[in-house]
Amino acid sequence: MDESRKGSADESDTSRFARAKDFAGEKYSTASDAVKNQYNRVREQVEDIDFGEVTDQVRSYVRSNPGKALLISIGAGFLIGLLLRRSDKED
């Protein structure tokens, strides 16, 4: 390969790299902005929750439906136990 071809190949590789770098930077910026916006929305929703009210609603539900509440808690405990047991075997 002569020097002029080699020089133009290096320049085209460099320009392709620059375009790819710019494209990746734009996509990163777009994704970063989207994640920041979603985080802010979720944070605002969590700030709006009155946990005292939620606690009162849960207590009221448990008092009015003790059987269902017990079955739900047993099911949740069973699932959590399965997940923890599986993660111990993987190590």
PDB file of N, CA and C in Angstrom:
ATOM      1  N   MET A   1       0.859  -1.170   0.000  1.00  0.00           N
ATOM      2  CA  MET A   1       0.000   0.000   0.000  1.00  0.00           C
ATOM      3  C   MET A   1       0.900   1.225   0.000  1.00  0.00           C
ATOM      4  N   ASP A   2       0.620   2.174  -0.848  1.00  0.00           N
ATOM      5  CA  ASP A   2       1.479   3.355  -0.872  1.00  0.00           C
ATOM      6  C   ASP A   2       1.057   4.337   0.221  1.00  0.00           C
ATOM      7  N   GLU A   3       1.889   5.326   0.463  1.00  0.00           N
ATOM      8  CA  GLU A   3       1.707   6.258   1.574  1.00  0.00           C
ATOM      9  C   GLU A   3       0.431   7.087   1.459  1.00  0.00           C
ATOM     10  N   SER A   4       0.022   7.464   0.237  1.00  0.00           N
ATOM     11  CA  SER A   4      -1.176   8.294   0.085  1.00  0.00           C
ATOM     12  C   SER A   4      -2.428   7.515   0.458  1.00  0.00           C
ATOM     13  N   ARG A   5      -2.467   6.245   0.088  1.00  0.00           N
ATOM     14  CA  ARG A   5      -3.625   5.415   0.470  1.00  0.00           C
ATOM     15  C   ARG A   5      -3.656   5.183   1.972  1.00  0.00           C
ATOM     16  N   LYS A   6      -2.478   4.935   2.534  1.00  0.00           N
ATOM     17  CA  LYS A   6      -2.399   4.698   3.971  1.00  0.00           C
ATOM     18  C   LYS A   6      -2.848   5.941   4.746  1.00  0.00           C
ATOM     19  N   GLY A   7      -2.433   7.109   4.287  1.00  0.00           N
ATOM     20  CA  GLY A   7      -2.824   8.357   4.940  1.00  0.00           C
ATOM     21  C   GLY A   7      -4.318   8.588   4.862  1.00  0.00           C
ATOM     22  N   SER A   8      -4.920   8.337   3.713  1.00  0.00           N
ATOM     23  CA  SER A   8      -6.367   8.546   3.579  1.00  0.00           C
ATOM     24  C   SER A   8      -7.139   7.508   4.379  1.00  0.00           C
ATOM     25  N   ALA A   9      -6.613   6.299   4.506  1.00  0.00           N
ATOM     26  CA  ALA A   9      -7.273   5.269   5.313  1.00  0.00           C
ATOM     27  C   ALA A   9      -7.241   5.652   6.782  1.00  0.00           C
ATOM     28  N   ASP A  10      -6.105   6.186   7.238  1.00  0.00           N
ATOM     29  CA  ASP A  10      -6.004   6.627   8.627  1.00  0.00           C
ATOM     30  C   ASP A  10      -6.976   7.764   8.908  1.00  0.00           C
ATOM     31  N   GLU A  11      -7.100   8.692   7.944  1.00  0.00           N
ATOM     32  CA  GLU A  11      -8.016   9.820   8.112  1.00  0.00           C
ATOM     33  C   GLU A  11      -9.463   9.356   8.138  1.00  0.00           C
ATOM     34  N   SER A  12      -9.822   8.388   7.295  1.00  0.00           N
ATOM     35  CA  SER A  12     -11.202   7.911   7.290  1.00  0.00           C
ATOM     36  C   SER A  12     -11.504   7.135   8.566  1.00  0.00           C
ATOM     37  N   ASP A  13     -10.527   6.381   9.073  1.00  0.00           N
ATOM     38  CA  ASP A  13     -10.715   5.683  10.344  1.00  0.00           C
ATOM     39  C   ASP A  13     -10.898   6.679  11.482  1.00  0.00           C
ATOM     40  N   THR A  14     -10.107   7.736  11.451  1.00  0.00           N
ATOM     41  CA  THR A  14     -10.203   8.764  12.485  1.00  0.00           C
ATOM     42  C   THR A  14     -11.552   9.469  12.421  1.00  0.00           C
ATOM     43  N   SER A  15     -12.021   9.771  11.218  1.00  0.00           N
ATOM     44  CA  SER A  15     -13.314  10.454  11.104  1.00  0.00           C
ATOM     45  C   SER A  15     -14.455   9.515  11.505  1.00  0.00           C
ATOM     46  N   ARG A  16     -14.333   8.244  11.179  1.00  0.00           N
ATOM     47  CA  ARG A  16     -15.359   7.283  11.617  1.00  0.00           C
ATOM     48  C   ARG A  16     -15.380   7.175  13.133  1.00  0.00           C
ATOM     49  N   PHE A  17     -14.188   7.133  13.712  1.00  0.00           N
ATOM     50  CA  PHE A  17     -14.106   7.068  15.166  1.00  0.00           C
ATOM     51  C   PHE A  17     -14.727   8.308  15.798  1.00  0.00           C
ATOM     52  N   ALA A  18     -14.447   9.469  15.233  1.00  0.00           N
ATOM     53  CA  ALA A  18     -15.007  10.720  15.759  1.00  0.00           C
ATOM     54  C   ALA A  18     -16.526  10.729  15.649  1.00  0.00           C
ATOM     55  N   ARG A  19     -17.050  10.254  14.520  1.00  0.00           N
ATOM     56  CA  ARG A  19     -18.518  10.187  14.360  1.00  0.00           C
ATOM     57  C   ARG A  19     -19.125   9.206  15.340  1.00  0.00           C
ATOM     58  N   ALA A  20     -18.475   8.054  15.515  1.00  0.00           N
ATOM     59  CA  ALA A  20     -18.986   7.056  16.458  1.00  0.00           C
ATOM     60  C   ALA A  20     -18.942   7.606  17.881  1.00  0.00           C
ATOM     61  N   LYS A  21     -17.874   8.323  18.209  1.00  0.00           N
ATOM     62  CA  LYS A  21     -17.747   8.921  19.538  1.00  0.00           C
ATOM     63  C   LYS A  21     -18.840   9.958  19.763  1.00  0.00           C
ATOM     64  N   ASP A  22     -19.091  10.805  18.759  1.00  0.00           N
ATOM     65  CA  ASP A  22     -20.160  11.807  18.869  1.00  0.00           C
ATOM     66  C   ASP A  22     -21.525  11.149  19.016  1.00  0.00           C
ATOM     67  N   PHE A  23     -21.766  10.098  18.242  1.00  0.00           N
ATOM     68  CA  PHE A  23     -23.044   9.388  18.304  1.00  0.00           C
ATOM     69  C   PHE A  23     -23.236   8.772  19.690  1.00  0.00           C
ATOM     70  N   ALA A  24     -22.199   8.120  20.199  1.00  0.00           N
ATOM     71  CA  ALA A  24     -22.288   7.508  21.531  1.00  0.00           C
ATOM     72  C   ALA A  24     -22.493   8.574  22.600  1.00  0.00           C
ATOM     73  N   GLY A  25     -21.824   9.702  22.460  1.00  0.00           N
ATOM     74  CA  GLY A  25     -21.997  10.797  23.419  1.00  0.00           C
ATOM     75  C   GLY A  25     -23.411  11.338  23.423  1.00  0.00           C
ATOM     76  N   GLU A  26     -23.992  11.476  22.237  1.00  0.00           N
ATOM     77  CA  GLU A  26     -25.380  11.958  22.145  1.00  0.00           C
ATOM     78  C   GLU A  26     -26.350  10.967  22.778  1.00  0.00           C
ATOM     79  N   LYS A  27     -26.157   9.686  22.494  1.00  0.00           N
ATOM     80  CA  LYS A  27     -27.042   8.659  23.065  1.00  0.00           C
ATOM     81  C   LYS A  27     -26.895   8.610  24.576  1.00  0.00           C
ATOM     82  N   TYR A  28     -25.657   8.734  25.063  1.00  0.00           N
ATOM     83  CA  TYR A  28     -25.425   8.740  26.502  1.00  0.00           C
ATOM     84  C   TYR A  28     -26.118   9.930  27.145  1.00  0.00           C
ATOM     85  N   SER A  29     -25.999  11.082  26.524  1.00  0.00           N
ATOM     86  CA  SER A  29     -26.625  12.283  27.060  1.00  0.00           C
ATOM     87  C   SER A  29     -28.149  12.149  27.100  1.00  0.00           C
ATOM     88  N   THR A  30     -28.719  11.617  26.030  1.00  0.00           N
ATOM     89  CA  THR A  30     -30.163  11.410  25.976  1.00  0.00           C
ATOM     90  C   THR A  30     -30.622  10.433  27.048  1.00  0.00           C
ATOM     91  N   ALA A  31     -29.912   9.322  27.182  1.00  0.00           N
ATOM     92  CA  ALA A  31     -30.271   8.320  28.191  1.00  0.00           C
ATOM     93  C   ALA A  31     -30.103   8.879  29.598  1.00  0.00           C
ATOM     94  N   SER A  32     -29.047   9.630  29.808  1.00  0.00           N
ATOM     95  CA  SER A  32     -28.800  10.222  31.121  1.00  0.00           C
ATOM     96  C   SER A  32     -29.923  11.190  31.500  1.00  0.00           C
ATOM     97  N   ASP A  33     -30.331  12.017  30.559  1.00  0.00           N
ATOM     98  CA  ASP A  33     -31.428  12.952  30.819  1.00  0.00           C
ATOM     99  C   ASP A  33     -32.728  12.215  31.120  1.00  0.00           C
ATOM    100  N   ALA A  34     -32.998  11.148  30.378  1.00  0.00           N
ATOM    101  CA  ALA A  34     -34.223  10.380  30.614  1.00  0.00           C
ATOM    102  C   ALA A  34     -34.215   9.742  32.005  1.00  0.00           C
ATOM    103  N   VAL A  35     -33.072   9.203  32.418  1.00  0.00           N
ATOM    104  CA  VAL A  35     -32.968   8.582  33.746  1.00  0.00           C
ATOM    105  C   VAL A  35     -33.141   9.638  34.831  1.00  0.00           C
ATOM    106  N   LYS A  36     -32.527  10.802  34.655  1.00  0.00           N
ATOM    107  CA  LYS A  36     -32.661  11.875  35.646  1.00  0.00           C
ATOM    108  C   LYS A  36     -34.109  12.323  35.768  1.00  0.00           C
ATOM    109  N   ASN A  37     -34.794  12.470  34.632  1.00  0.00           N
ATOM    110  CA  ASN A  37     -36.194  12.890  34.660  1.00  0.00           C
ATOM    111  C   ASN A  37     -37.066  11.854  35.354  1.00  0.00           C
ATOM    112  N   GLN A  38     -36.854  10.584  35.056  1.00  0.00           N
ATOM    113  CA  GLN A  38     -37.647   9.524  35.687  1.00  0.00           C
ATOM    114  C   GLN A  38     -37.369   9.467  37.188  1.00  0.00           C
ATOM    115  N   TYR A  39     -36.104   9.618  37.561  1.00  0.00           N
ATOM    116  CA  TYR A  39     -35.742   9.627  38.981  1.00  0.00           C
ATOM    117  C   TYR A  39     -36.469  10.752  39.706  1.00  0.00           C
ATOM    118  N   ASN A  40     -36.480  11.940  39.105  1.00  0.00           N
ATOM    119  CA  ASN A  40     -37.158  13.074  39.739  1.00  0.00           C
ATOM    120  C   ASN A  40     -38.652  12.837  39.877  1.00  0.00           C
ATOM    121  N   ARG A  41     -39.261  12.217  38.860  1.00  0.00           N
ATOM    122  CA  ARG A  41     -40.703  11.920  38.943  1.00  0.00           C
ATOM    123  C   ARG A  41     -40.992  10.937  40.074  1.00  0.00           C
ATOM    124  N   VAL A  42     -40.204   9.888  40.165  1.00  0.00           N
ATOM    125  CA  VAL A  42     -40.411   8.880  41.215  1.00  0.00           C
ATOM    126  C   VAL A  42     -40.168   9.496  42.587  1.00  0.00           C
ATOM    127  N   ARG A  43     -39.124  10.310  42.701  1.00  0.00           N
ATOM    128  CA  ARG A  43     -38.822  10.951  43.979  1.00  0.00           C
ATOM    129  C   ARG A  43     -39.977  11.835  44.432  1.00  0.00           C
ATOM    130  N   GLU A  44     -40.575  12.580  43.509  1.00  0.00           N
ATOM    131  CA  GLU A  44     -41.716  13.427  43.847  1.00  0.00           C
ATOM    132  C   GLU A  44     -42.907  12.588  44.288  1.00  0.00           C
ATOM    133  N   GLN A  45     -43.132  11.457  43.622  1.00  0.00           N
ATOM    134  CA  GLN A  45     -44.244  10.589  44.010  1.00  0.00           C
ATOM    135  C   GLN A  45     -44.019  10.009  45.398  1.00  0.00           C
ATOM    136  N   VAL A  46     -42.793   9.628  45.708  1.00  0.00           N
ATOM    137  CA  VAL A  46     -42.499   9.068  47.031  1.00  0.00           C
ATOM    138  C   VAL A  46     -42.642  10.144  48.095  1.00  0.00           C
ATOM    139  N   GLU A  47     -42.237  11.365  47.784  1.00  0.00           N
ATOM    140  CA  GLU A  47     -42.376  12.457  48.736  1.00  0.00           C
ATOM    141  C   GLU A  47     -43.841  12.760  49.030  1.00  0.00           C
ATOM    142  N   ASP A  48     -44.724  12.511  48.071  1.00  0.00           N
ATOM    143  CA  ASP A  48     -46.149  12.789  48.245  1.00  0.00           C
ATOM    144  C   ASP A  48     -46.862  11.736  49.085  1.00  0.00           C
ATOM    145  N   ILE A  49     -46.229  10.594  49.315  1.00  0.00           N
ATOM    146  CA  ILE A  49     -46.873   9.517  50.065  1.00  0.00           C
ATOM    147  C   ILE A  49     -46.856   9.845  51.552  1.00  0.00           C
ATOM    148  N   ASP A  50     -48.010   9.715  52.169  1.00  0.00           N
ATOM    149  CA  ASP A  50     -48.121   9.872  53.614  1.00  0.00           C
ATOM    150  C   ASP A  50     -48.059   8.476  54.226  1.00  0.00           C
ATOM    151  N   PHE A  51     -46.883   8.120  54.739  1.00  0.00           N
ATOM    152  CA  PHE A  51     -46.692   6.767  55.235  1.00  0.00           C
ATOM    153  C   PHE A  51     -47.527   6.473  56.476  1.00  0.00           C
ATOM    154  N   GLY A  52     -47.854   7.486  57.226  1.00  0.00           N
ATOM    155  CA  GLY A  52     -48.744   7.294  58.377  1.00  0.00           C
ATOM    156  C   GLY A  52     -50.128   6.848  57.921  1.00  0.00           C
ATOM    157  N   GLU A  53     -50.611   7.448  56.843  1.00  0.00           N
ATOM    158  CA  GLU A  53     -51.916   7.083  56.291  1.00  0.00           C
ATOM    159  C   GLU A  53     -51.883   5.662  55.720  1.00  0.00           C
ATOM    160  N   VAL A  54     -50.799   5.323  55.048  1.00  0.00           N
ATOM    161  CA  VAL A  54     -50.662   3.980  54.482  1.00  0.00           C
ATOM    162  C   VAL A  54     -50.647   2.946  55.603  1.00  0.00           C
ATOM    163  N   THR A  55     -49.930   3.247  56.680  1.00  0.00           N
ATOM    164  CA  THR A  55     -49.883   2.337  57.829  1.00  0.00           C
ATOM    165  C   THR A  55     -51.273   2.139  58.416  1.00  0.00           C
ATOM    166  N   ASP A  56     -52.022   3.221  58.535  1.00  0.00           N
ATOM    167  CA  ASP A  56     -53.392   3.115  59.057  1.00  0.00           C
ATOM    168  C   ASP A  56     -54.270   2.267  58.136  1.00  0.00           C
ATOM    169  N   GLN A  57     -54.114   2.416  56.815  1.00  0.00           N
ATOM    170  CA  GLN A  57     -54.893   1.620  55.873  1.00  0.00           C
ATOM    171  C   GLN A  57     -54.548   0.135  55.990  1.00  0.00           C
ATOM    172  N   VAL A  58     -53.273  -0.163  56.146  1.00  0.00           N
ATOM    173  CA  VAL A  58     -52.857  -1.569  56.283  1.00  0.00           C
ATOM    174  C   VAL A  58     -53.430  -2.155  57.563  1.00  0.00           C
ATOM    175  N   ARG A  59     -53.335  -1.420  58.661  1.00  0.00           N
ATOM    176  CA  ARG A  59     -53.887  -1.910  59.937  1.00  0.00           C
ATOM    177  C   ARG A  59     -55.388  -2.152  59.814  1.00  0.00           C
ATOM    178  N   SER A  60     -56.081  -1.236  59.167  1.00  0.00           N
ATOM    179  CA  SER A  60     -57.524  -1.378  58.993  1.00  0.00           C
ATOM    180  C   SER A  60     -57.840  -2.623  58.158  1.00  0.00           C
ATOM    181  N   TYR A  61     -57.066  -2.855  57.083  1.00  0.00           N
ATOM    182  CA  TYR A  61     -57.293  -4.025  56.239  1.00  0.00           C
ATOM    183  C   TYR A  61     -57.044  -5.310  57.019  1.00  0.00           C
ATOM    184  N   VAL A  62     -55.965  -5.332  57.785  1.00  0.00           N
ATOM    185  CA  VAL A  62     -55.628  -6.540  58.554  1.00  0.00           C
ATOM    186  C   VAL A  62     -56.704  -6.822  59.586  1.00  0.00           C
ATOM    187  N   ARG A  63     -57.231  -5.793  60.231  1.00  0.00           N
ATOM    188  CA  ARG A  63     -58.284  -5.988  61.239  1.00  0.00           C
ATOM    189  C   ARG A  63     -59.589  -6.485  60.609  1.00  0.00           C
ATOM    190  N   SER A  64     -59.881  -6.013  59.401  1.00  0.00           N
ATOM    191  CA  SER A  64     -61.137  -6.421  58.771  1.00  0.00           C
ATOM    192  C   SER A  64     -60.996  -7.725  57.990  1.00  0.00           C
ATOM    193  N   ASN A  65     -59.770  -8.113  57.597  1.00  0.00           N
ATOM    194  CA  ASN A  65     -59.534  -9.347  56.832  1.00  0.00           C
ATOM    195  C   ASN A  65     -58.323 -10.101  57.388  1.00  0.00           C
ATOM    196  N   PRO A  66     -58.437 -10.633  58.602  1.00  0.00           N
ATOM    197  CA  PRO A  66     -57.249 -11.261  59.204  1.00  0.00           C
ATOM    198  C   PRO A  66     -56.792 -12.522  58.462  1.00  0.00           C
ATOM    199  N   GLY A  67     -57.723 -13.289  57.934  1.00  0.00           N
ATOM    200  CA  GLY A  67     -57.363 -14.514  57.222  1.00  0.00           C
ATOM    201  C   GLY A  67     -56.590 -14.213  55.950  1.00  0.00           C
ATOM    202  N   LYS A  68     -57.092 -13.283  55.147  1.00  0.00           N
ATOM    203  CA  LYS A  68     -56.405 -12.906  53.921  1.00  0.00           C
ATOM    204  C   LYS A  68     -55.026 -12.325  54.231  1.00  0.00           C
ATOM    205  N   ALA A  69     -54.959 -11.471  55.245  1.00  0.00           N
ATOM    206  CA  ALA A  69     -53.687 -10.844  55.604  1.00  0.00           C
ATOM    207  C   ALA A  69     -52.674 -11.911  56.033  1.00  0.00           C
ATOM    208  N   LEU A  70     -53.140 -12.914  56.766  1.00  0.00           N
ATOM    209  CA  LEU A  70     -52.241 -13.985  57.197  1.00  0.00           C
ATOM    210  C   LEU A  70     -51.745 -14.791  55.998  1.00  0.00           C
ATOM    211  N   LEU A  71     -52.641 -15.130  55.079  1.00  0.00           N
ATOM    212  CA  LEU A  71     -52.229 -15.885  53.892  1.00  0.00           C
ATOM    213  C   LEU A  71     -51.260 -15.086  53.013  1.00  0.00           C
ATOM    214  N   ILE A  72     -51.521 -13.797  52.883  1.00  0.00           N
ATOM    215  CA  ILE A  72     -50.623 -12.948  52.094  1.00  0.00           C
ATOM    216  C   ILE A  72     -49.241 -12.908  52.742  1.00  0.00           C
ATOM    217  N   SER A  73     -49.193 -12.745  54.052  1.00  0.00           N
ATOM    218  CA  SER A  73     -47.890 -12.667  54.726  1.00  0.00           C
ATOM    219  C   SER A  73     -47.160 -14.003  54.668  1.00  0.00           C
ATOM    220  N   ILE A  74     -47.880 -15.123  54.762  1.00  0.00           N
ATOM    221  CA  ILE A  74     -47.245 -16.437  54.641  1.00  0.00           C
ATOM    222  C   ILE A  74     -46.686 -16.621  53.228  1.00  0.00           C
ATOM    223  N   GLY A  75     -47.463 -16.251  52.225  1.00  0.00           N
ATOM    224  CA  GLY A  75     -47.005 -16.358  50.841  1.00  0.00           C
ATOM    225  C   GLY A  75     -45.784 -15.495  50.580  1.00  0.00           C
ATOM    226  N   ALA A  76     -45.810 -14.273  51.075  1.00  0.00           N
ATOM    227  CA  ALA A  76     -44.661 -13.377  50.882  1.00  0.00           C
ATOM    228  C   ALA A  76     -43.426 -13.930  51.590  1.00  0.00           C
ATOM    229  N   GLY A  77     -43.613 -14.437  52.787  1.00  0.00           N
ATOM    230  CA  GLY A  77     -42.485 -15.026  53.527  1.00  0.00           C
ATOM    231  C   GLY A  77     -41.920 -16.236  52.813  1.00  0.00           C
ATOM    232  N   PHE A  78     -42.806 -17.056  52.253  1.00  0.00           N
ATOM    233  CA  PHE A  78     -42.358 -18.235  51.517  1.00  0.00           C
ATOM    234  C   PHE A  78     -41.535 -17.839  50.295  1.00  0.00           C
ATOM    235  N   LEU A  79     -42.021 -16.857  49.531  1.00  0.00           N
ATOM    236  CA  LEU A  79     -41.283 -16.401  48.348  1.00  0.00           C
ATOM    237  C   LEU A  79     -39.929 -15.794  48.713  1.00  0.00           C
ATOM    238  N   ILE A  80     -39.903 -14.998  49.756  1.00  0.00           N
ATOM    239  CA  ILE A  80     -38.632 -14.412  50.193  1.00  0.00           C
ATOM    240  C   ILE A  80     -37.676 -15.505  50.647  1.00  0.00           C
ATOM    241  N   GLY A  81     -38.208 -16.505  51.347  1.00  0.00           N
ATOM    242  CA  GLY A  81     -37.376 -17.629  51.771  1.00  0.00           C
ATOM    243  C   GLY A  81     -36.796 -18.383  50.588  1.00  0.00           C
ATOM    244  N   LEU A  82     -37.604 -18.612  49.550  1.00  0.00           N
ATOM    245  CA  LEU A  82     -37.096 -19.285  48.352  1.00  0.00           C
ATOM    246  C   LEU A  82     -35.996 -18.473  47.679  1.00  0.00           C
ATOM    247  N   LEU A  83     -36.207 -17.185  47.572  1.00  0.00           N
ATOM    248  CA  LEU A  83     -35.209 -16.334  46.934  1.00  0.00           C
ATOM    249  C   LEU A  83     -33.899 -16.320  47.715  1.00  0.00           C
ATOM    250  N   LEU A  84     -33.994 -16.240  49.029  1.00  0.00           N
ATOM    251  CA  LEU A  84     -32.777 -16.237  49.837  1.00  0.00           C
ATOM    252  C   LEU A  84     -32.080 -17.578  49.808  1.00  0.00           C
ATOM    253  N   ARG A  85     -32.840 -18.656  49.787  1.00  0.00           N
ATOM    254  CA  ARG A  85     -32.252 -19.984  49.760  1.00  0.00           C
ATOM    255  C   ARG A  85     -31.515 -20.218  48.447  1.00  0.00           C
ATOM    256  N   ARG A  86     -32.078 -19.781  47.344  1.00  0.00           N
ATOM    257  CA  ARG A  86     -31.442 -19.920  46.044  1.00  0.00           C
ATOM    258  C   ARG A  86     -30.148 -19.124  45.967  1.00  0.00           C
ATOM    259  N   SER A  87     -30.148 -17.933  46.508  1.00  0.00           N
ATOM    260  CA  SER A  87     -28.938 -17.107  46.438  1.00  0.00           C
ATOM    261  C   SER A  87     -27.823 -17.697  47.291  1.00  0.00           C
ATOM    262  N   ASP A  88     -28.141 -18.404  48.362  1.00  0.00           N
ATOM    263  CA  ASP A  88     -27.102 -19.057  49.179  1.00  0.00           C
ATOM    264  C   ASP A  88     -26.463 -20.201  48.437  1.00  0.00           C
ATOM    265  N   LYS A  89     -27.226 -20.957  47.660  1.00  0.00           N
ATOM    266  CA  LYS A  89     -26.686 -22.101  46.914  1.00  0.00           C
ATOM    267  C   LYS A  89     -25.783 -21.653  45.767  1.00  0.00           C
ATOM    268  N   GLU A  90     -26.055 -20.470  45.196  1.00  0.00           N
ATOM    269  CA  GLU A  90     -25.266 -19.976  44.077  1.00  0.00           C
ATOM    270  C   GLU A  90     -23.856 -19.593  44.513  1.00  0.00           C
ATOM    271  N   ASP A  91     -23.679 -19.205  45.754  1.00  0.00           N
ATOM    272  CA  ASP A  91     -22.350 -18.788  46.234  1.00  0.00           C
ATOM    273  C   ASP A  91     -21.507 -19.966  46.468  1.00  0.00           C
TER     274      ASP A  91
END
